[in-house]
Amino acid sequence: MFPAIAVAQALSRSAPDSILLYVGRRGGIEEQAVPRYGLPLETIVAAKLDMEQLWRNWSFPLIAPRAFWQASRIVSRFRPNVVLGTGGYVSAPLILAAAIRRIPVVLQEQNLLPGRTTRWLSRVARVVATGYEESAPYLHARAVVTGTPVRQEFTVRRQEFPSRPRTLLVLGGSQGAHRINQAIASSVAELTGGLRLTVWHQTGERDLPELQQVRSQLGPNAGAYLPFGFADDLGDKIQMADLVLSRAGASAISEVSAVGVPMLLVPGPFAGGHQRLNAEPFARAGAAVVIPNEMCDGPRVIQEIAAILDDPARYRTMVDAMRTLGRPRAADEVVSLLRAAAQP
């Protein structure tokens, strides 16, 4: 969703007379988030194929034809010059409806290992914008490395950093990351006390009460720890953070790297382990430290952060490496691909 919004923002800036339409999943988070960015929204039903537990697909033959019919009506009515797909099963009916009508299709893939939908739909795409050059062999169309588009609030690169991190931002996504939350709960006393860090912690709503209780037990250091469920000013928080601890989802990495902040990454074990692949190029470049999910606990978090605090030269290297990897202008590059595809 957020890469699609980022491209829409970039297109609106470069061509204010563009007519845009976001198509998302009926009943999905798009219904609340997309209108906040001033984008018109239409929705379709969505049918996901579960390749691990095939018995879950009993409703697919019932939903898929309806989804394609709804997508076809939208395409016929809106008559787009070009269609952008940013991955996920909800995009498949729309992309197929556009391809049947010979409307140019551009895909955008955030993960190093392209998702099953992107791999399949790349057969009908003019080009696929990728975040990693390693994605190309998995695709059936020309791949162009643009980076993952980020929203406008993440396109300003931070210029100045302290000699050692002072503020740690912990991101678990809008739903939170329970493993990371537990690690912070058991380490925050040392992080705010012995390591003298200010810790901002996006917990998700589920674990927020527990982390607020942890805060109440910190005594004089309670003011240095701020747990919150969700933040509308996340771009500002990333700008003010000196170090970010996060899952290795493509959007989180792209947003933080665009600003240029070094990271500690805890790849999630789900979806075939694609987050581990996302993290590897950043670890190789020295811009991030990877903590395996099964080893993410309080002592390991303290160990890794203390090692960075104790080595200013290493921290500066991480900052410089992240500056070379971040792509704050990725959305504009995807817009260029859309313009080229839309040319008759």
Protein backbone atom coordinates (compact mmCIF):
# COMPACT_ATOMS: atom_id res chain seq x y z
CA MET A 1 0.00 0.00 0.00
CA PHE A 2 2.60 2.59 1.03
CA PRO A 3 4.82 2.21 -2.08
CA ALA A 4 1.70 2.68 -4.22
CA ILE A 5 0.78 5.82 -2.27
CA ALA A 6 4.36 7.08 -2.66
CA VAL A 7 4.21 6.71 -6.45
CA ALA A 8 0.82 8.45 -6.54
CA GLN A 9 2.29 11.35 -4.54
CA ALA A 10 5.27 11.61 -6.89
CA LEU A 11 3.05 11.54 -9.99
CA SER A 12 0.79 14.23 -8.53
CA ARG A 13 3.81 16.44 -7.86
CA SER A 14 5.27 16.06 -11.35
CA ALA A 15 1.96 16.10 -13.24
CA PRO A 16 -0.79 17.75 -11.13
CA ASP A 17 -3.39 17.14 -13.85
CA SER A 18 -2.95 13.35 -13.60
CA ILE A 19 -6.12 11.41 -12.79
CA LEU A 20 -5.39 8.70 -10.26
CA LEU A 21 -7.35 5.78 -8.85
CA TYR A 22 -6.25 3.41 -6.12
CA VAL A 23 -7.85 -0.05 -6.22
CA GLY A 24 -7.59 -2.08 -3.02
CA ARG A 25 -9.12 -4.92 -1.07
CA ARG A 26 -12.67 -4.57 0.15
CA GLY A 27 -12.60 -4.52 3.94
CA GLY A 28 -8.81 -3.95 3.99
CA ILE A 29 -6.72 -1.31 5.71
CA GLU A 30 -6.73 0.66 2.45
CA GLU A 31 -10.26 1.83 3.17
CA GLN A 32 -8.99 3.87 6.12
CA ALA A 33 -5.46 4.77 5.01
CA VAL A 34 -5.72 5.70 1.33
CA PRO A 35 -8.36 8.47 1.63
CA ARG A 36 -6.16 10.21 4.21
CA TYR A 37 -3.71 10.88 1.37
CA GLY A 38 -6.41 12.44 -0.80
CA LEU A 39 -6.54 9.54 -3.27
CA PRO A 40 -9.80 8.27 -4.75
CA LEU A 41 -10.36 4.63 -3.84
CA GLU A 42 -12.35 1.73 -5.23
CA THR A 43 -12.31 -1.78 -3.79
CA ILE A 44 -12.77 -5.32 -4.99
CA VAL A 45 -13.17 -8.63 -3.21
CA ALA A 46 -9.94 -10.57 -2.96
CA ALA A 47 -9.10 -14.25 -3.15
CA LYS A 48 -5.74 -15.46 -1.91
CA LEU A 49 -4.24 -18.78 -2.93
CA ASP A 50 -2.60 -20.50 0.04
CA MET A 51 0.04 -22.81 -1.42
CA GLU A 52 1.07 -24.22 1.97
CA GLN A 53 -2.37 -25.17 3.27
CA LEU A 54 -4.38 -25.99 0.17
CA TRP A 55 -7.55 -26.76 2.10
CA ARG A 56 -7.88 -23.03 2.82
CA ASN A 57 -8.54 -22.39 -0.87
CA TRP A 58 -12.09 -23.78 -0.86
CA SER A 59 -13.57 -20.31 -1.48
CA PHE A 60 -11.15 -19.31 -4.25
CA PRO A 61 -13.26 -20.66 -7.16
CA LEU A 62 -16.21 -18.63 -5.83
CA ILE A 63 -14.40 -15.35 -5.17
CA ALA A 64 -11.89 -15.17 -8.05
CA PRO A 65 -14.46 -14.76 -10.89
CA ARG A 66 -16.26 -12.06 -8.92
CA ALA A 67 -12.98 -10.24 -8.26
CA PHE A 68 -12.07 -10.33 -11.96
CA TRP A 69 -15.54 -9.08 -12.94
CA GLN A 70 -15.27 -6.16 -10.50
CA ALA A 71 -11.75 -5.33 -11.70
CA SER A 72 -12.86 -5.45 -15.34
CA ARG A 73 -15.68 -3.01 -14.66
CA ILE A 74 -13.27 -0.59 -12.96
CA VAL A 75 -10.77 -0.77 -15.83
CA SER A 76 -13.49 -0.30 -18.46
CA ARG A 77 -14.96 2.68 -16.63
CA PHE A 78 -11.71 4.40 -15.63
CA ARG A 79 -9.84 3.69 -18.91
CA PRO A 80 -6.30 4.14 -17.57
CA ASN A 81 -3.28 4.89 -19.74
CA VAL A 82 -1.14 2.69 -17.52
CA VAL A 83 -1.65 0.42 -14.50
CA LEU A 84 0.80 -0.01 -11.62
CA GLY A 85 0.78 -3.16 -9.49
CA THR A 86 2.69 -3.13 -6.21
CA GLY A 87 2.31 -6.80 -5.36
CA GLY A 88 -0.18 -8.84 -3.40
CA TYR A 89 -3.01 -11.04 -4.55
CA VAL A 90 -5.51 -8.17 -4.69
CA SER A 91 -3.61 -6.71 -7.66
CA ALA A 92 -3.91 -9.82 -9.83
CA PRO A 93 -7.49 -9.33 -11.12
CA LEU A 94 -6.81 -5.68 -11.97
CA ILE A 95 -3.52 -6.43 -13.75
CA LEU A 96 -5.11 -9.23 -15.78
CA ALA A 97 -8.09 -7.07 -16.70
CA ALA A 98 -5.70 -4.35 -17.92
CA ALA A 99 -3.50 -6.80 -19.84
CA ILE A 100 -6.48 -8.30 -21.67
CA ARG A 101 -7.32 -4.77 -22.87
CA ARG A 102 -3.67 -4.20 -23.88
CA ILE A 103 -3.25 -1.45 -21.30
CA PRO A 104 0.43 -1.13 -20.33
CA VAL A 105 1.31 -2.69 -16.98
CA VAL A 106 4.21 -1.73 -14.70
CA LEU A 107 4.93 -3.75 -11.58
CA GLN A 108 6.83 -2.70 -8.46
CA GLU A 109 8.40 -5.32 -6.20
CA GLN A 110 9.72 -4.41 -2.75
CA ASN A 111 11.28 -7.70 -1.63
CA LEU A 112 14.53 -9.22 -2.85
CA LEU A 113 12.66 -12.49 -3.49
CA PRO A 114 9.65 -11.37 -5.54
CA GLY A 115 6.31 -12.56 -4.30
CA ARG A 116 4.45 -15.29 -6.14
CA THR A 117 1.93 -12.81 -7.56
CA THR A 118 4.63 -10.53 -8.96
CA ARG A 119 6.53 -13.43 -10.49
CA TRP A 120 3.41 -14.67 -12.24
CA LEU A 121 2.14 -11.26 -13.37
CA SER A 122 5.55 -10.21 -14.68
CA ARG A 123 4.67 -12.21 -17.81
CA VAL A 124 2.25 -9.46 -18.83
CA ALA A 125 4.27 -6.46 -17.59
CA ARG A 126 6.30 -4.02 -19.68
CA VAL A 127 8.81 -3.58 -16.85
CA VAL A 128 9.23 -4.39 -13.15
CA ALA A 129 10.69 -1.79 -10.79
CA THR A 130 12.66 -3.57 -8.09
CA GLY A 131 14.33 -2.69 -4.83
CA TYR A 132 17.20 -5.13 -5.38
CA GLU A 133 19.20 -6.10 -8.46
CA GLU A 134 19.12 -9.70 -7.20
CA SER A 135 15.38 -9.84 -8.00
CA ALA A 136 15.83 -9.88 -11.79
CA PRO A 137 16.38 -13.65 -12.32
CA TYR A 138 13.00 -14.43 -10.77
CA LEU A 139 11.06 -12.21 -13.18
CA HIS A 140 9.76 -12.64 -16.74
CA ALA A 141 10.01 -8.97 -17.73
CA ARG A 142 12.75 -6.35 -17.84
CA ALA A 143 13.76 -5.37 -14.32
CA VAL A 144 14.93 -1.88 -13.39
CA VAL A 145 16.39 -1.21 -9.94
CA THR A 146 14.67 1.90 -8.64
CA GLY A 147 14.57 1.16 -4.94
CA THR A 148 11.27 0.90 -3.10
CA PRO A 149 9.14 4.06 -3.33
CA VAL A 150 8.71 5.92 -0.04
CA ARG A 151 6.14 8.50 0.93
CA GLN A 152 7.04 12.18 0.74
CA GLU A 153 7.74 12.46 4.47
CA PHE A 154 10.61 9.98 4.10
CA THR A 155 12.36 11.63 1.14
CA VAL A 156 14.44 14.13 3.15
CA ARG A 157 17.82 12.61 3.92
CA ARG A 158 19.24 13.37 7.35
CA GLN A 159 22.57 15.20 7.17
CA GLU A 160 23.97 15.35 10.71
CA PHE A 161 24.47 12.50 13.20
CA PRO A 162 26.01 12.48 16.68
CA SER A 163 29.31 10.68 17.37
CA ARG A 164 27.35 7.95 19.19
CA PRO A 165 23.63 7.08 19.04
CA ARG A 166 21.49 8.83 21.61
CA THR A 167 17.98 7.92 20.41
CA LEU A 168 16.83 4.41 19.51
CA LEU A 169 13.61 3.96 17.54
CA VAL A 170 12.04 0.49 17.69
CA LEU A 171 9.62 -0.41 14.89
CA GLY A 172 7.38 -3.43 14.89
CA GLY A 173 4.98 -2.29 12.19
CA SER A 174 1.40 -1.17 12.74
CA GLN A 175 0.56 -4.55 14.29
CA GLY A 176 3.71 -4.69 16.41
CA ALA A 177 6.32 -7.45 16.56
CA HIS A 178 5.85 -9.51 19.72
CA ARG A 179 9.36 -10.99 19.72
CA ILE A 180 10.95 -7.54 19.50
CA ASN A 181 8.53 -6.19 22.10
CA GLN A 182 9.56 -8.87 24.57
CA ALA A 183 13.24 -8.21 23.95
CA ILE A 184 12.77 -4.50 24.62
CA ALA A 185 10.68 -5.18 27.73
CA SER A 186 13.59 -7.11 29.25
CA SER A 187 16.33 -4.72 28.10
CA VAL A 188 14.85 -1.22 28.33
CA ALA A 189 16.05 -0.66 31.90
CA GLU A 190 19.66 -1.15 30.74
CA LEU A 191 19.12 0.74 27.47
CA THR A 192 17.81 3.84 29.24
CA GLY A 193 20.02 3.45 32.32
CA GLY A 194 23.46 1.98 31.68
CA LEU A 195 23.53 2.85 27.95
CA ARG A 196 21.86 6.26 28.45
CA LEU A 197 19.58 5.98 25.41
CA THR A 198 16.20 7.53 24.75
CA VAL A 199 13.97 4.75 23.39
CA TRP A 200 10.89 5.34 21.25
CA HIS A 201 9.01 2.08 20.77
CA GLN A 202 6.23 1.34 18.28
CA THR A 203 4.60 -1.61 20.00
CA GLY A 204 1.34 -2.12 18.10
CA GLU A 205 -1.90 -1.92 20.06
CA ARG A 206 -1.88 -5.51 21.36
CA ASP A 207 1.29 -5.25 23.45
CA LEU A 208 1.00 -1.56 24.34
CA PRO A 209 -0.54 -2.06 27.82
CA GLU A 210 2.26 -4.46 28.81
CA LEU A 211 4.96 -2.05 27.64
CA GLN A 212 3.29 0.86 29.41
CA GLN A 213 3.47 -1.22 32.58
CA VAL A 214 7.19 -1.76 31.94
CA ARG A 215 7.60 2.00 31.61
CA SER A 216 5.90 2.61 34.94
CA GLN A 217 8.53 0.42 36.62
CA LEU A 218 11.56 2.28 35.25
CA GLY A 219 11.56 4.85 38.03
CA PRO A 220 13.66 7.93 37.21
CA ASN A 221 14.40 6.64 33.69
CA ALA A 222 10.71 6.37 32.73
CA GLY A 223 10.92 9.64 30.81
CA ALA A 224 13.52 8.13 28.49
CA TYR A 225 11.14 5.40 27.26
CA LEU A 226 8.11 6.15 25.11
CA PRO A 227 5.98 3.17 24.00
CA PHE A 228 3.22 3.93 21.48
CA GLY A 229 0.85 1.81 19.43
CA PHE A 230 0.96 3.72 16.14
CA ALA A 231 2.32 7.11 15.05
CA ASP A 232 1.12 9.45 12.32
CA ASP A 233 4.45 11.31 12.57
CA LEU A 234 6.66 8.29 11.91
CA GLY A 235 8.66 10.21 9.33
CA ASP A 236 9.60 12.80 11.96
CA LYS A 237 10.54 10.10 14.45
CA ILE A 238 12.83 8.40 11.94
CA GLN A 239 14.44 11.75 11.16
CA MET A 240 15.23 12.26 14.86
CA ALA A 241 16.40 8.70 15.56
CA ASP A 242 20.09 7.83 15.55
CA LEU A 243 19.54 4.06 15.32
CA VAL A 244 16.49 1.97 14.33
CA LEU A 245 15.65 -1.54 15.52
CA SER A 246 13.10 -3.11 13.19
CA ARG A 247 11.74 -6.10 11.35
CA ALA A 248 13.19 -6.42 7.86
CA GLY A 249 10.05 -5.73 5.88
CA ALA A 250 10.75 -4.01 2.57
CA SER A 251 8.78 -0.85 3.37
CA ALA A 252 10.43 -0.36 6.77
CA ILE A 253 13.92 -0.82 5.33
CA SER A 254 13.24 1.47 2.39
CA GLU A 255 11.79 4.26 4.53
CA VAL A 256 14.58 4.20 7.12
CA SER A 257 17.35 3.82 4.53
CA ALA A 258 15.93 6.71 2.47
CA VAL A 259 16.37 8.96 5.51
CA GLY A 260 19.81 7.38 6.05
CA VAL A 261 19.57 5.98 9.59
CA PRO A 262 21.58 2.81 10.48
CA MET A 263 19.56 -0.22 11.53
CA LEU A 264 19.42 -3.34 13.65
CA LEU A 265 17.26 -5.78 11.70
CA VAL A 266 15.34 -8.77 13.07
CA PRO A 267 13.99 -10.63 10.01
CA GLY A 268 10.62 -12.25 10.60
CA PRO A 269 10.45 -16.04 10.14
CA PHE A 270 7.27 -15.89 8.08
CA ALA A 271 6.50 -15.98 4.33
CA GLY A 272 9.39 -18.20 3.35
CA GLY A 273 11.99 -16.13 5.15
CA HIS A 274 11.99 -13.33 2.56
CA GLN A 275 12.84 -10.72 5.22
CA ARG A 276 16.20 -12.41 5.80
CA LEU A 277 16.98 -11.88 2.11
CA ASN A 278 15.89 -8.24 2.34
CA ALA A 279 18.34 -7.65 5.20
CA GLU A 280 21.41 -9.33 3.70
CA PRO A 281 22.56 -6.55 1.31
CA PHE A 282 22.38 -3.98 4.10
CA ALA A 283 24.35 -6.23 6.44
CA ARG A 284 27.00 -6.90 3.76
CA ALA A 285 27.43 -3.19 3.17
CA GLY A 286 27.86 -2.51 6.89
CA ALA A 287 24.73 -0.36 7.11
CA ALA A 288 22.84 -2.75 9.39
CA VAL A 289 23.32 -5.48 11.96
CA VAL A 290 21.14 -8.58 11.64
CA ILE A 291 19.81 -10.37 14.73
CA PRO A 292 18.20 -13.74 13.88
CA ASN A 293 14.63 -13.89 15.12
CA GLU A 294 15.25 -16.87 17.39
CA MET A 295 18.18 -15.02 19.02
CA CYS A 296 16.36 -11.74 19.55
CA ASP A 297 16.16 -11.31 23.32
CA GLY A 298 17.12 -8.66 25.83
CA PRO A 299 20.79 -9.67 26.30
CA ARG A 300 21.42 -9.89 22.53
CA VAL A 301 19.83 -6.48 21.92
CA ILE A 302 21.96 -4.93 24.66
CA GLN A 303 25.09 -6.64 23.33
CA GLU A 304 24.64 -5.42 19.75
CA ILE A 305 23.71 -1.86 20.69
CA ALA A 306 26.51 -1.56 23.26
CA ALA A 307 29.02 -2.67 20.61
CA ILE A 308 27.89 0.18 18.35
CA LEU A 309 27.93 2.73 21.18
CA ASP A 310 31.46 1.73 22.14
CA ASP A 311 32.83 2.10 18.60
CA PRO A 312 32.22 5.59 17.11
CA ALA A 313 34.19 4.68 13.96
CA ARG A 314 31.90 1.71 13.33
CA TYR A 315 28.81 3.88 13.83
CA ARG A 316 30.11 6.43 11.32
CA THR A 317 30.75 3.61 8.85
CA MET A 318 27.14 2.44 9.28
CA VAL A 319 25.86 5.96 8.62
CA ASP A 320 27.99 6.34 5.48
CA ALA A 321 26.99 2.88 4.21
CA MET A 322 23.29 3.59 4.67
CA ARG A 323 23.61 6.81 2.71
CA THR A 324 24.88 4.85 -0.29
CA LEU A 325 21.99 2.35 -0.11
CA GLY A 326 18.99 4.58 0.60
CA ARG A 327 16.88 5.58 -2.43
CA PRO A 328 14.76 8.61 -1.44
CA ARG A 329 13.90 9.33 -5.09
CA ALA A 330 12.65 5.83 -5.91
CA ALA A 331 9.06 6.98 -6.42
CA ASP A 332 10.15 9.50 -9.08
CA GLU A 333 12.07 6.75 -10.88
CA VAL A 334 8.96 4.55 -10.94
CA VAL A 335 6.97 7.50 -12.32
CA SER A 336 9.48 7.72 -15.18
CA LEU A 337 8.84 4.06 -15.96
CA LEU A 338 5.08 4.67 -15.92
CA ARG A 339 5.43 7.59 -18.33
CA ALA A 340 7.54 5.54 -20.71
CA ALA A 341 5.12 2.60 -20.61
CA ALA A 342 2.13 4.86 -21.27
CA GLN A 343 3.62 6.28 -24.47
CA PRO A 344 1.75 5.05 -27.54
